Structure formats: structure tokens, C-alpha cells
Amino acid sequence: MRCLDCKAPAVLRGRCERHHAAYERRPGVRARRARRSVLAAVYSEATRLRAPVVARGGARCARCGVLVLADGVDVDHVRALARGGEDTDGNVQTLRRPCHGVERARTSRGDSRSQEVVRGPRDDPVGCEGPDDS
């Protein structure tokens, strides 16, 4: 495949490296990317789920049930958006980073078990009790 702007081989999005860099610097492209990131942050169920996880200090992994602090939690789409999943509350789950890696590997292999929603209770993680908890 050749670059859209010259005869060099296309490497990124139909452009050679030199023209791709110029394309990415265009004000219109940068503005469109900024708008998309804002919309994704506002309307994303994964983003909405992260807020209470951080406020609570952590969450329980939906795959293995281990209580994890907020900095070790990933929010995962059960059915990937790229595979036709929706960005809804029923399609996101909290996972530990190691469990998220396993889920990604399953999804890339096309394993159907990665499409099942497995939800455990979302208790406060160990070590994150409030000052008045005993």
C-alpha cells in the first residue's frame, strides 16, 4: 500500500511516517481527537464505574473475587466494543490487572467464556475501611 500523499510505502493510517506526522499535527485532527476523548470520558460506562471504585478505595475482581485497591483495578468491557459490545453498565466489570491480562488473551483467541458476565459482590477492599469501621 502506498502513502495517500506520496509514493512511499504506507505505514500508519494510509500514510508514510513523514506525512503521518504532518497529518497528526493538523489543528482539525487534534481538535477532533480532543472532542472524542472528552465524549468518551463523559459517556463511557467504564469511566463512570472508575469513579466509585476510586472513591471507595478499591473493588472486588469480577473474575477471581479478590479485593483490590483502586490503583490495581482495571475496568474491562466484558464484550469488547470492537467485537460488538455496548458501552453499558451491564457490559463493564472490575478486574485485577493480572486477571485483565488473562481476559485480554482469551478475547484475542476468541474464547467464548470471555463473553460471560461474572460478577461478585463489590465490597470495600481489605485495608480500605474507613476510620470508624471496626
Foldseek 3Di string as FASTA:
>chain_A
DAAPVDRHRDDPPRHNPVVVVVVCPDPVNVVVVVVVVVCCCVPALQNVVLVVCVVLQFWAALPPRATDGSVQKHKDFLQDVVNVGDRDNQRITIHGPVVVVVLVVCVVVVPCVSNDGRGDDTDRHPPRDDPPDD
